[in-house]
């Protein structure tokens, strides 16, 4: 099974958010794909304290738990979640080898 890779920079940012947001403390990071965006599908990130479903995929890096539902994982298997804070913008970046096409902003894709 492929995984969802998370860069060290993304882990640092996730930990920073968890430390500064009481609702995110002790939460898992849920990674999802939802319909929408210019290319048909969009990435969605959020902190989740809900129980994990039996079909969820779970990954861990440096104490951060990443959870993905099985339907989204079909599109996210093998991705790398990164964080950028450069001149072109700040935010999480999805490097998705499954994407056939992405929009200019990088927030949506088609597979």
PDB file of N, CA and C in Angstrom:
ATOM      1  N   UNK A   1       0.846  -1.179   0.000  1.00  0.00           N
ATOM      2  CA  UNK A   1       0.000   0.000   0.000  1.00  0.00           C
ATOM      3  C   UNK A   1       0.891   1.243   0.000  1.00  0.00           C
ATOM      4  N   UNK A   2       0.613   2.165  -0.898  1.00  0.00           N
ATOM      5  CA  UNK A   2       1.321   3.443  -0.903  1.00  0.00           C
ATOM      6  C   UNK A   2       0.877   4.245   0.305  1.00  0.00           C
ATOM      7  N   UNK A   3       1.619   5.277   0.556  1.00  0.00           N
ATOM      8  CA  UNK A   3       1.330   6.091   1.726  1.00  0.00           C
ATOM      9  C   UNK A   3       1.080   7.536   1.323  1.00  0.00           C
ATOM     10  N   UNK A   4       0.704   8.301   2.306  1.00  0.00           N
ATOM     11  CA  UNK A   4       0.688   9.749   2.182  1.00  0.00           C
ATOM     12  C   UNK A   4       1.947  10.226   2.885  1.00  0.00           C
ATOM     13  N   UNK A   5       2.843  10.809   2.125  1.00  0.00           N
ATOM     14  CA  UNK A   5       4.097  11.316   2.679  1.00  0.00           C
ATOM     15  C   UNK A   5       3.876  12.738   3.184  1.00  0.00           C
ATOM     16  N   UNK A   6       4.507  13.072   4.273  1.00  0.00           N
ATOM     17  CA  UNK A   6       4.411  14.418   4.843  1.00  0.00           C
ATOM     18  C   UNK A   6       5.833  14.916   5.070  1.00  0.00           C
ATOM     19  N   UNK A   7       6.145  16.073   4.501  1.00  0.00           N
ATOM     20  CA  UNK A   7       7.493  16.616   4.651  1.00  0.00           C
ATOM     21  C   UNK A   7       7.692  17.149   6.071  1.00  0.00           C
ATOM     22  N   UNK A   8       8.944  17.303   6.445  1.00  0.00           N
ATOM     23  CA  UNK A   8       9.271  17.843   7.764  1.00  0.00           C
ATOM     24  C   UNK A   8       8.691  19.249   7.944  1.00  0.00           C
ATOM     25  N   UNK A   9       8.707  20.040   6.881  1.00  0.00           N
ATOM     26  CA  UNK A   9       8.185  21.401   6.950  1.00  0.00           C
ATOM     27  C   UNK A   9       6.674  21.389   7.204  1.00  0.00           C
ATOM     28  N   UNK A  10       5.953  20.449   6.566  1.00  0.00           N
ATOM     29  CA  UNK A  10       4.512  20.325   6.795  1.00  0.00           C
ATOM     30  C   UNK A  10       4.236  19.859   8.221  1.00  0.00           C
ATOM     31  N   UNK A  11       5.027  18.920   8.725  1.00  0.00           N
ATOM     32  CA  UNK A  11       4.865  18.450  10.108  1.00  0.00           C
ATOM     33  C   UNK A  11       5.047  19.608  11.072  1.00  0.00           C
ATOM     34  N   UNK A  12       6.049  20.433  10.856  1.00  0.00           N
ATOM     35  CA  UNK A  12       6.289  21.592  11.729  1.00  0.00           C
ATOM     36  C   UNK A  12       5.102  22.540  11.731  1.00  0.00           C
ATOM     37  N   UNK A  13       4.528  22.776  10.563  1.00  0.00           N
ATOM     38  CA  UNK A  13       3.384  23.689  10.465  1.00  0.00           C
ATOM     39  C   UNK A  13       2.152  23.076  11.135  1.00  0.00           C
ATOM     40  N   UNK A  14       1.925  21.794  10.950  1.00  0.00           N
ATOM     41  CA  UNK A  14       0.790  21.115  11.597  1.00  0.00           C
ATOM     42  C   UNK A  14       0.923  21.217  13.110  1.00  0.00           C
ATOM     43  N   UNK A  15       2.119  20.971  13.626  1.00  0.00           N
ATOM     44  CA  UNK A  15       2.359  21.070  15.072  1.00  0.00           C
ATOM     45  C   UNK A  15       2.167  22.503  15.558  1.00  0.00           C
ATOM     46  N   UNK A  16       2.588  23.478  14.758  1.00  0.00           N
ATOM     47  CA  UNK A  16       2.419  24.886  15.129  1.00  0.00           C
ATOM     48  C   UNK A  16       0.932  25.224  15.232  1.00  0.00           C
ATOM     49  N   UNK A  17       0.145  24.769  14.263  1.00  0.00           N
ATOM     50  CA  UNK A  17      -1.297  25.031  14.279  1.00  0.00           C
ATOM     51  C   UNK A  17      -1.940  24.358  15.490  1.00  0.00           C
ATOM     52  N   UNK A  18      -1.567  23.117  15.753  1.00  0.00           N
ATOM     53  CA  UNK A  18      -2.135  22.408  16.899  1.00  0.00           C
ATOM     54  C   UNK A  18      -1.807  23.111  18.212  1.00  0.00           C
ATOM     55  N   UNK A  19      -0.612  23.650  18.316  1.00  0.00           N
ATOM     56  CA  UNK A  19      -0.203  24.331  19.548  1.00  0.00           C
ATOM     57  C   UNK A  19      -0.937  25.660  19.737  1.00  0.00           C
ATOM     58  N   UNK A  20      -1.314  26.303  18.636  1.00  0.00           N
ATOM     59  CA  UNK A  20      -1.938  27.620  18.736  1.00  0.00           C
ATOM     60  C   UNK A  20      -3.465  27.580  18.692  1.00  0.00           C
ATOM     61  N   UNK A  21      -4.055  26.426  18.386  1.00  0.00           N
ATOM     62  CA  UNK A  21      -5.505  26.306  18.252  1.00  0.00           C
ATOM     63  C   UNK A  21      -5.997  25.200  19.180  1.00  0.00           C
ATOM     64  N   UNK A  22      -6.703  25.593  20.232  1.00  0.00           N
ATOM     65  CA  UNK A  22      -7.157  24.614  21.229  1.00  0.00           C
ATOM     66  C   UNK A  22      -8.053  23.542  20.623  1.00  0.00           C
ATOM     67  N   UNK A  23      -8.798  23.868  19.562  1.00  0.00           N
ATOM     68  CA  UNK A  23      -9.677  22.861  18.949  1.00  0.00           C
ATOM     69  C   UNK A  23      -8.880  21.833  18.147  1.00  0.00           C
ATOM     70  N   UNK A  24      -7.639  22.149  17.786  1.00  0.00           N
ATOM     71  CA  UNK A  24      -6.814  21.227  17.005  1.00  0.00           C
ATOM     72  C   UNK A  24      -5.905  20.362  17.873  1.00  0.00           C
ATOM     73  N   UNK A  25      -5.767  20.722  19.150  1.00  0.00           N
ATOM     74  CA  UNK A  25      -4.907  19.963  20.050  1.00  0.00           C
ATOM     75  C   UNK A  25      -5.411  18.529  20.166  1.00  0.00           C
ATOM     76  N   UNK A  26      -4.486  17.579  20.123  1.00  0.00           N
ATOM     77  CA  UNK A  26      -4.814  16.152  20.222  1.00  0.00           C
ATOM     78  C   UNK A  26      -5.753  15.679  19.118  1.00  0.00           C
ATOM     79  N   UNK A  27      -5.715  16.321  17.968  1.00  0.00           N
ATOM     80  CA  UNK A  27      -6.540  15.925  16.827  1.00  0.00           C
ATOM     81  C   UNK A  27      -5.685  15.261  15.763  1.00  0.00           C
ATOM     82  N   UNK A  28      -6.346  14.488  14.919  1.00  0.00           N
ATOM     83  CA  UNK A  28      -5.693  13.912  13.749  1.00  0.00           C
ATOM     84  C   UNK A  28      -5.894  14.870  12.581  1.00  0.00           C
ATOM     85  N   UNK A  29      -4.985  14.846  11.636  1.00  0.00           N
ATOM     86  CA  UNK A  29      -5.161  15.637  10.427  1.00  0.00           C
ATOM     87  C   UNK A  29      -5.878  14.766   9.405  1.00  0.00           C
ATOM     88  N   UNK A  30      -7.087  15.165   9.014  1.00  0.00           N
ATOM     89  CA  UNK A  30      -7.840  14.408   8.016  1.00  0.00           C
ATOM     90  C   UNK A  30      -7.601  15.036   6.649  1.00  0.00           C
ATOM     91  N   UNK A  31      -7.187  14.199   5.706  1.00  0.00           N
ATOM     92  CA  UNK A  31      -6.926  14.607   4.332  1.00  0.00           C
ATOM     93  C   UNK A  31      -8.020  13.984   3.471  1.00  0.00           C
ATOM     94  N   UNK A  32      -8.684  14.809   2.664  1.00  0.00           N
ATOM     95  CA  UNK A  32      -9.795  14.318   1.849  1.00  0.00           C
ATOM     96  C   UNK A  32      -9.752  14.906   0.446  1.00  0.00           C
ATOM     97  N   UNK A  33     -10.505  14.256  -0.432  1.00  0.00           N
ATOM     98  CA  UNK A  33     -10.766  14.778  -1.763  1.00  0.00           C
ATOM     99  C   UNK A  33     -12.263  15.000  -1.839  1.00  0.00           C
ATOM    100  N   UNK A  34     -12.661  16.187  -2.282  1.00  0.00           N
ATOM    101  CA  UNK A  34     -14.077  16.508  -2.443  1.00  0.00           C
ATOM    102  C   UNK A  34     -14.292  17.023  -3.862  1.00  0.00           C
ATOM    103  N   UNK A  35     -15.503  16.896  -4.358  1.00  0.00           N
ATOM    104  CA  UNK A  35     -15.828  17.411  -5.684  1.00  0.00           C
ATOM    105  C   UNK A  35     -15.806  18.924  -5.679  1.00  0.00           C
ATOM    106  N   UNK A  36     -15.328  19.495  -6.786  1.00  0.00           N
ATOM    107  CA  UNK A  36     -15.326  20.946  -6.915  1.00  0.00           C
ATOM    108  C   UNK A  36     -14.002  21.471  -7.401  1.00  0.00           C
ATOM    109  N   UNK A  37     -13.926  22.758  -7.542  1.00  0.00           N
ATOM    110  CA  UNK A  37     -12.703  23.392  -8.036  1.00  0.00           C
ATOM    111  C   UNK A  37     -12.691  23.444  -9.546  1.00  0.00           C
ATOM    112  N   UNK A  38     -11.729  24.141 -10.093  1.00  0.00           N
ATOM    113  CA  UNK A  38     -11.669  24.326 -11.545  1.00  0.00           C
ATOM    114  C   UNK A  38     -11.380  23.033 -12.311  1.00  0.00           C
ATOM    115  N   UNK A  39     -10.732  22.078 -11.669  1.00  0.00           N
ATOM    116  CA  UNK A  39     -10.357  20.849 -12.374  1.00  0.00           C
ATOM    117  C   UNK A  39     -11.211  19.644 -12.000  1.00  0.00           C
ATOM    118  N   UNK A  40     -12.204  19.821 -11.132  1.00  0.00           N
ATOM    119  CA  UNK A  40     -13.121  18.732 -10.832  1.00  0.00           C
ATOM    120  C   UNK A  40     -13.063  18.196  -9.409  1.00  0.00           C
ATOM    121  N   UNK A  41     -11.873  18.131  -8.822  1.00  0.00           N
ATOM    122  CA  UNK A  41     -11.728  17.641  -7.454  1.00  0.00           C
ATOM    123  C   UNK A  41     -10.810  18.581  -6.683  1.00  0.00           C
ATOM    124  N   UNK A  42     -11.105  18.734  -5.394  1.00  0.00           N
ATOM    125  CA  UNK A  42     -10.302  19.613  -4.545  1.00  0.00           C
ATOM    126  C   UNK A  42      -9.803  18.859  -3.321  1.00  0.00           C
ATOM    127  N   UNK A  43      -8.680  19.328  -2.805  1.00  0.00           N
ATOM    128  CA  UNK A  43      -8.129  18.775  -1.572  1.00  0.00           C
ATOM    129  C   UNK A  43      -8.779  19.473  -0.392  1.00  0.00           C
ATOM    130  N   UNK A  44      -8.953  18.735   0.697  1.00  0.00           N
ATOM    131  CA  UNK A  44      -9.506  19.329   1.909  1.00  0.00           C
ATOM    132  C   UNK A  44      -8.723  18.790   3.096  1.00  0.00           C
ATOM    133  N   UNK A  45      -8.284  19.694   3.952  1.00  0.00           N
ATOM    134  CA  UNK A  45      -7.570  19.355   5.183  1.00  0.00           C
ATOM    135  C   UNK A  45      -8.378  19.858   6.367  1.00  0.00           C
ATOM    136  N   UNK A  46      -8.352  19.100   7.442  1.00  0.00           N
ATOM    137  CA  UNK A  46      -9.012  19.550   8.652  1.00  0.00           C
ATOM    138  C   UNK A  46      -8.593  18.695   9.832  1.00  0.00           C
ATOM    139  N   UNK A  47      -8.737  19.246  11.015  1.00  0.00           N
ATOM    140  CA  UNK A  47      -8.431  18.488  12.219  1.00  0.00           C
ATOM    141  C   UNK A  47      -9.683  17.749  12.651  1.00  0.00           C
ATOM    142  N   UNK A  48      -9.491  16.519  13.093  1.00  0.00           N
ATOM    143  CA  UNK A  48     -10.611  15.627  13.372  1.00  0.00           C
ATOM    144  C   UNK A  48     -10.379  14.897  14.684  1.00  0.00           C
ATOM    145  N   UNK A  49     -11.373  14.942  15.566  1.00  0.00           N
ATOM    146  CA  UNK A  49     -11.318  14.179  16.810  1.00  0.00           C
ATOM    147  C   UNK A  49     -12.326  13.024  16.782  1.00  0.00           C
ATOM    148  N   UNK A  50     -13.060  12.905  15.684  1.00  0.00           N
ATOM    149  CA  UNK A  50     -14.074  11.856  15.553  1.00  0.00           C
ATOM    150  C   UNK A  50     -13.408  10.490  15.537  1.00  0.00           C
ATOM    151  N   UNK A  51     -14.140   9.459  15.925  1.00  0.00           N
ATOM    152  CA  UNK A  51     -13.576   8.105  15.856  1.00  0.00           C
ATOM    153  C   UNK A  51     -13.203   7.742  14.414  1.00  0.00           C
ATOM    154  N   UNK A  52     -12.171   6.965  14.296  1.00  0.00           N
ATOM    155  CA  UNK A  52     -11.701   6.546  12.984  1.00  0.00           C
ATOM    156  C   UNK A  52     -12.568   5.399  12.491  1.00  0.00           C
ATOM    157  N   UNK A  53     -13.003   5.467  11.240  1.00  0.00           N
ATOM    158  CA  UNK A  53     -13.799   4.389  10.645  1.00  0.00           C
ATOM    159  C   UNK A  53     -12.893   3.205  10.333  1.00  0.00           C
ATOM    160  N   UNK A  54     -13.462   2.039  10.287  1.00  0.00           N
ATOM    161  CA  UNK A  54     -12.695   0.814  10.016  1.00  0.00           C
ATOM    162  C   UNK A  54     -12.017   0.865   8.655  1.00  0.00           C
ATOM    163  N   UNK A  55     -12.572   1.615   7.719  1.00  0.00           N
ATOM    164  CA  UNK A  55     -12.006   1.685   6.369  1.00  0.00           C
ATOM    165  C   UNK A  55     -11.019   2.829   6.184  1.00  0.00           C
ATOM    166  N   UNK A  56     -10.844   3.676   7.196  1.00  0.00           N
ATOM    167  CA  UNK A  56      -9.889   4.782   7.103  1.00  0.00           C
ATOM    168  C   UNK A  56      -8.461   4.261   7.023  1.00  0.00           C
ATOM    169  N   UNK A  57      -7.628   4.978   6.315  1.00  0.00           N
ATOM    170  CA  UNK A  57      -6.189   4.701   6.261  1.00  0.00           C
ATOM    171  C   UNK A  57      -5.527   5.669   7.230  1.00  0.00           C
ATOM    172  N   UNK A  58      -4.579   5.159   8.010  1.00  0.00           N
ATOM    173  CA  UNK A  58      -3.924   5.969   9.035  1.00  0.00           C
ATOM    174  C   UNK A  58      -2.417   5.940   8.811  1.00  0.00           C
ATOM    175  N   UNK A  59      -1.806   7.117   8.859  1.00  0.00           N
ATOM    176  CA  UNK A  59      -0.366   7.262   8.710  1.00  0.00           C
ATOM    177  C   UNK A  59       0.127   8.122   9.859  1.00  0.00           C
ATOM    178  N   UNK A  60       1.388   7.963  10.210  1.00  0.00           N
ATOM    179  CA  UNK A  60       1.930   8.770  11.303  1.00  0.00           C
ATOM    180  C   UNK A  60       3.347   9.184  10.970  1.00  0.00           C
ATOM    181  N   UNK A  61       3.648  10.433  11.310  1.00  0.00           N
ATOM    182  CA  UNK A  61       5.008  10.936  11.171  1.00  0.00           C
ATOM    183  C   UNK A  61       5.282  11.895  12.311  1.00  0.00           C
ATOM    184  N   UNK A  62       6.331  11.638  13.044  1.00  0.00           N
ATOM    185  CA  UNK A  62       6.773  12.517  14.133  1.00  0.00           C
ATOM    186  C   UNK A  62       5.643  12.896  15.088  1.00  0.00           C
ATOM    187  N   UNK A  63       4.788  11.931  15.417  1.00  0.00           N
ATOM    188  CA  UNK A  63       3.711  12.180  16.365  1.00  0.00           C
ATOM    189  C   UNK A  63       2.453  12.766  15.763  1.00  0.00           C
ATOM    190  N   UNK A  64       2.453  13.054  14.471  1.00  0.00           N
ATOM    191  CA  UNK A  64       1.267  13.576  13.789  1.00  0.00           C
ATOM    192  C   UNK A  64       0.548  12.405  13.133  1.00  0.00           C
ATOM    193  N   UNK A  65      -0.739  12.254  13.437  1.00  0.00           N
ATOM    194  CA  UNK A  65      -1.541  11.210  12.791  1.00  0.00           C
ATOM    195  C   UNK A  65      -2.292  11.817  11.621  1.00  0.00           C
ATOM    196  N   UNK A  66      -2.171  11.165  10.467  1.00  0.00           N
ATOM    197  CA  UNK A  66      -2.854  11.591   9.254  1.00  0.00           C
ATOM    198  C   UNK A  66      -3.870  10.513   8.921  1.00  0.00           C
ATOM    199  N   UNK A  67      -5.118  10.917   8.710  1.00  0.00           N
ATOM    200  CA  UNK A  67      -6.199   9.981   8.441  1.00  0.00           C
ATOM    201  C   UNK A  67      -6.818  10.330   7.088  1.00  0.00           C
ATOM    202  N   UNK A  68      -7.161   9.285   6.332  1.00  0.00           N
ATOM    203  CA  UNK A  68      -7.747   9.480   5.007  1.00  0.00           C
ATOM    204  C   UNK A  68      -8.818   8.415   4.795  1.00  0.00           C
ATOM    205  N   UNK A  69     -10.009   8.821   4.343  1.00  0.00           N
ATOM    206  CA  UNK A  69     -11.046   7.832   4.060  1.00  0.00           C
ATOM    207  C   UNK A  69     -10.647   7.034   2.816  1.00  0.00           C
ATOM    208  N   UNK A  70     -11.185   5.833   2.688  1.00  0.00           N
ATOM    209  CA  UNK A  70     -10.751   4.933   1.620  1.00  0.00           C
ATOM    210  C   UNK A  70     -11.080   5.466   0.225  1.00  0.00           C
ATOM    211  N   UNK A  71     -12.177   6.188   0.066  1.00  0.00           N
ATOM    212  CA  UNK A  71     -12.528   6.748  -1.247  1.00  0.00           C
ATOM    213  C   UNK A  71     -11.523   7.821  -1.663  1.00  0.00           C
ATOM    214  N   UNK A  72     -11.186   8.726  -0.740  1.00  0.00           N
ATOM    215  CA  UNK A  72     -10.199   9.767  -1.046  1.00  0.00           C
ATOM    216  C   UNK A  72      -8.829   9.166  -1.305  1.00  0.00           C
ATOM    217  N   UNK A  73      -8.517   8.088  -0.590  1.00  0.00           N
ATOM    218  CA  UNK A  73      -7.196   7.472  -0.720  1.00  0.00           C
ATOM    219  C   UNK A  73      -6.946   6.952  -2.137  1.00  0.00           C
ATOM    220  N   UNK A  74      -8.006   6.628  -2.868  1.00  0.00           N
ATOM    221  CA  UNK A  74      -7.846   6.205  -4.265  1.00  0.00           C
ATOM    222  C   UNK A  74      -7.129   7.283  -5.075  1.00  0.00           C
ATOM    223  N   UNK A  75      -7.366   8.554  -4.728  1.00  0.00           N
ATOM    224  CA  UNK A  75      -6.762   9.687  -5.429  1.00  0.00           C
ATOM    225  C   UNK A  75      -5.508  10.219  -4.743  1.00  0.00           C
ATOM    226  N   UNK A  76      -5.326   9.862  -3.475  1.00  0.00           N
ATOM    227  CA  UNK A  76      -4.236  10.438  -2.694  1.00  0.00           C
ATOM    228  C   UNK A  76      -3.080   9.485  -2.421  1.00  0.00           C
ATOM    229  N   UNK A  77      -3.203   8.248  -2.825  1.00  0.00           N
ATOM    230  CA  UNK A  77      -2.141   7.268  -2.607  1.00  0.00           C
ATOM    231  C   UNK A  77      -0.857   7.739  -3.274  1.00  0.00           C
ATOM    232  N   UNK A  78       0.193   7.862  -2.492  1.00  0.00           N
ATOM    233  CA  UNK A  78       1.487   8.278  -3.028  1.00  0.00           C
ATOM    234  C   UNK A  78       1.742   9.774  -3.040  1.00  0.00           C
ATOM    235  N   UNK A  79       0.807  10.584  -2.535  1.00  0.00           N
ATOM    236  CA  UNK A  79       1.040  12.036  -2.554  1.00  0.00           C
ATOM    237  C   UNK A  79       2.049  12.439  -1.495  1.00  0.00           C
ATOM    238  N   UNK A  80       2.561  13.640  -1.679  1.00  0.00           N
ATOM    239  CA  UNK A  80       3.413  14.271  -0.683  1.00  0.00           C
ATOM    240  C   UNK A  80       2.736  15.564  -0.262  1.00  0.00           C
ATOM    241  N   UNK A  81       2.523  15.699   1.034  1.00  0.00           N
ATOM    242  CA  UNK A  81       1.974  16.926   1.592  1.00  0.00           C
ATOM    243  C   UNK A  81       3.145  17.764   2.083  1.00  0.00           C
ATOM    244  N   UNK A  82       3.251  18.969   1.539  1.00  0.00           N
ATOM    245  CA  UNK A  82       4.350  19.862   1.874  1.00  0.00           C
ATOM    246  C   UNK A  82       3.752  21.175   2.368  1.00  0.00           C
ATOM    247  N   UNK A  83       4.615  22.043   2.862  1.00  0.00           N
ATOM    248  CA  UNK A  83       4.198  23.382   3.269  1.00  0.00           C
ATOM    249  C   UNK A  83       5.185  24.372   2.690  1.00  0.00           C
ATOM    250  N   UNK A  84       4.665  25.424   2.094  1.00  0.00           N
ATOM    251  CA  UNK A  84       5.533  26.447   1.528  1.00  0.00           C
ATOM    252  C   UNK A  84       5.216  27.797   2.168  1.00  0.00           C
ATOM    253  N   UNK A  85       6.251  28.584   2.342  1.00  0.00           N
ATOM    254  CA  UNK A  85       6.065  29.937   2.862  1.00  0.00           C
ATOM    255  C   UNK A  85       6.913  30.908   2.056  1.00  0.00           C
ATOM    256  N   UNK A  86       6.942  30.667   0.757  1.00  0.00           N
ATOM    257  CA  UNK A  86       7.754  31.479  -0.137  1.00  0.00           C
ATOM    258  C   UNK A  86       7.033  32.698  -0.668  1.00  0.00           C
ATOM    259  N   UNK A  87       7.647  33.335  -1.642  1.00  0.00           N
ATOM    260  CA  UNK A  87       7.111  34.564  -2.224  1.00  0.00           C
ATOM    261  C   UNK A  87       5.823  34.328  -3.005  1.00  0.00           C
ATOM    262  N   UNK A  88       5.623  33.111  -3.512  1.00  0.00           N
ATOM    263  CA  UNK A  88       4.428  32.814  -4.304  1.00  0.00           C
ATOM    264  C   UNK A  88       3.234  32.426  -3.454  1.00  0.00           C
ATOM    265  N   UNK A  89       3.350  32.527  -2.155  1.00  0.00           N
ATOM    266  CA  UNK A  89       2.225  32.225  -1.284  1.00  0.00           C
ATOM    267  C   UNK A  89       2.618  31.300  -0.156  1.00  0.00           C
ATOM    268  N   UNK A  90       1.742  31.228   0.814  1.00  0.00           N
ATOM    269  CA  UNK A  90       1.960  30.401   1.987  1.00  0.00           C
ATOM    270  C   UNK A  90       0.827  29.403   2.088  1.00  0.00           C
ATOM    271  N   UNK A  91       1.169  28.157   2.355  1.00  0.00           N
ATOM    272  CA  UNK A  91       0.125  27.163   2.558  1.00  0.00           C
ATOM    273  C   UNK A  91       0.614  25.756   2.280  1.00  0.00           C
ATOM    274  N   UNK A  92      -0.288  24.814   2.484  1.00  0.00           N
ATOM    275  CA  UNK A  92       0.015  23.420   2.221  1.00  0.00           C
ATOM    276  C   UNK A  92      -0.040  23.164   0.722  1.00  0.00           C
ATOM    277  N   UNK A  93       0.863  22.311   0.256  1.00  0.00           N
ATOM    278  CA  UNK A  93       0.971  21.985  -1.155  1.00  0.00           C
ATOM    279  C   UNK A  93       0.864  20.475  -1.302  1.00  0.00           C
ATOM    280  N   UNK A  94       0.052  20.036  -2.246  1.00  0.00           N
ATOM    281  CA  UNK A  94      -0.108  18.616  -2.538  1.00  0.00           C
ATOM    282  C   UNK A  94       0.664  18.286  -3.806  1.00  0.00           C
ATOM    283  N   UNK A  95       1.660  17.436  -3.687  1.00  0.00           N
ATOM    284  CA  UNK A  95       2.388  16.943  -4.852  1.00  0.00           C
ATOM    285  C   UNK A  95       1.809  15.569  -5.148  1.00  0.00           C
ATOM    286  N   UNK A  96       0.899  15.522  -6.123  1.00  0.00           N
ATOM    287  CA  UNK A  96       0.096  14.334  -6.383  1.00  0.00           C
ATOM    288  C   UNK A  96       0.489  13.678  -7.701  1.00  0.00           C
ATOM    289  N   UNK A  97       1.136  12.503  -7.653  1.00  0.00           N
ATOM    290  CA  UNK A  97       1.513  11.818  -8.887  1.00  0.00           C
ATOM    291  C   UNK A  97       0.313  11.252  -9.639  1.00  0.00           C
ATOM    292  N   UNK A  98      -0.855  11.203  -9.007  1.00  0.00           N
ATOM    293  CA  UNK A  98      -2.067  10.666  -9.642  1.00  0.00           C
ATOM    294  C   UNK A  98      -2.812  11.712 -10.455  1.00  0.00           C
ATOM    295  N   UNK A  99      -2.471  12.975 -10.283  1.00  0.00           N
ATOM    296  CA  UNK A  99      -3.189  14.057 -10.957  1.00  0.00           C
ATOM    297  C   UNK A  99      -2.791  14.106 -12.433  1.00  0.00           C
ATOM    298  N   UNK A 100      -3.794  14.051 -13.282  1.00  0.00           N
ATOM    299  CA  UNK A 100      -3.564  14.172 -14.726  1.00  0.00           C
ATOM    300  C   UNK A 100      -3.505  15.642 -15.135  1.00  0.00           C
ATOM    301  N   UNK A 101      -4.215  16.483 -14.382  1.00  0.00           N
ATOM    302  CA  UNK A 101      -4.286  17.901 -14.674  1.00  0.00           C
ATOM    303  C   UNK A 101      -4.540  18.636 -13.371  1.00  0.00           C
ATOM    304  N   UNK A 102      -3.910  19.790 -13.188  1.00  0.00           N
ATOM    305  CA  UNK A 102      -4.161  20.615 -12.006  1.00  0.00           C
ATOM    306  C   UNK A 102      -4.499  22.028 -12.454  1.00  0.00           C
ATOM    307  N   UNK A 103      -5.172  22.754 -11.601  1.00  0.00           N
ATOM    308  CA  UNK A 103      -5.477  24.145 -11.931  1.00  0.00           C
ATOM    309  C   UNK A 103      -4.268  25.020 -11.611  1.00  0.00           C
ATOM    310  N   UNK A 104      -4.314  26.255 -11.997  1.00  0.00           N
ATOM    311  CA  UNK A 104      -3.194  27.168 -11.790  1.00  0.00           C
ATOM    312  C   UNK A 104      -2.860  27.408 -10.332  1.00  0.00           C
ATOM    313  N   UNK A 105      -3.876  27.374  -9.466  1.00  0.00           N
ATOM    314  CA  UNK A 105      -3.619  27.641  -8.047  1.00  0.00           C
ATOM    315  C   UNK A 105      -3.175  26.380  -7.310  1.00  0.00           C
ATOM    316  N   UNK A 106      -3.319  25.197  -7.923  1.00  0.00           N
ATOM    317  CA  UNK A 106      -2.884  23.958  -7.307  1.00  0.00           C
ATOM    318  C   UNK A 106      -3.830  23.387  -6.273  1.00  0.00           C
ATOM    319  N   UNK A 107      -5.027  23.979  -6.143  1.00  0.00           N
ATOM    320  CA  UNK A 107      -5.983  23.504  -5.155  1.00  0.00           C
ATOM    321  C   UNK A 107      -6.954  22.478  -5.690  1.00  0.00           C
ATOM    322  N   UNK A 108      -6.990  22.293  -7.003  1.00  0.00           N
ATOM    323  CA  UNK A 108      -7.880  21.270  -7.550  1.00  0.00           C
ATOM    324  C   UNK A 108      -7.140  20.506  -8.644  1.00  0.00           C
ATOM    325  N   UNK A 109      -7.684  19.318  -8.960  1.00  0.00           N
ATOM    326  CA  UNK A 109      -7.027  18.438  -9.919  1.00  0.00           C
ATOM    327  C   UNK A 109      -8.050  17.507 -10.557  1.00  0.00           C
ATOM    328  N   UNK A 110      -7.619  16.828 -11.587  1.00  0.00           N
ATOM    329  CA  UNK A 110      -8.415  15.744 -12.149  1.00  0.00           C
ATOM    330  C   UNK A 110      -7.510  14.525 -12.258  1.00  0.00           C
ATOM    331  N   UNK A 111      -8.112  13.374 -12.142  1.00  0.00           N
ATOM    332  CA  UNK A 111      -7.315  12.131 -12.169  1.00  0.00           C
ATOM    333  C   UNK A 111      -7.786  11.224 -13.283  1.00  0.00           C
TER     334      UNK A 111
END
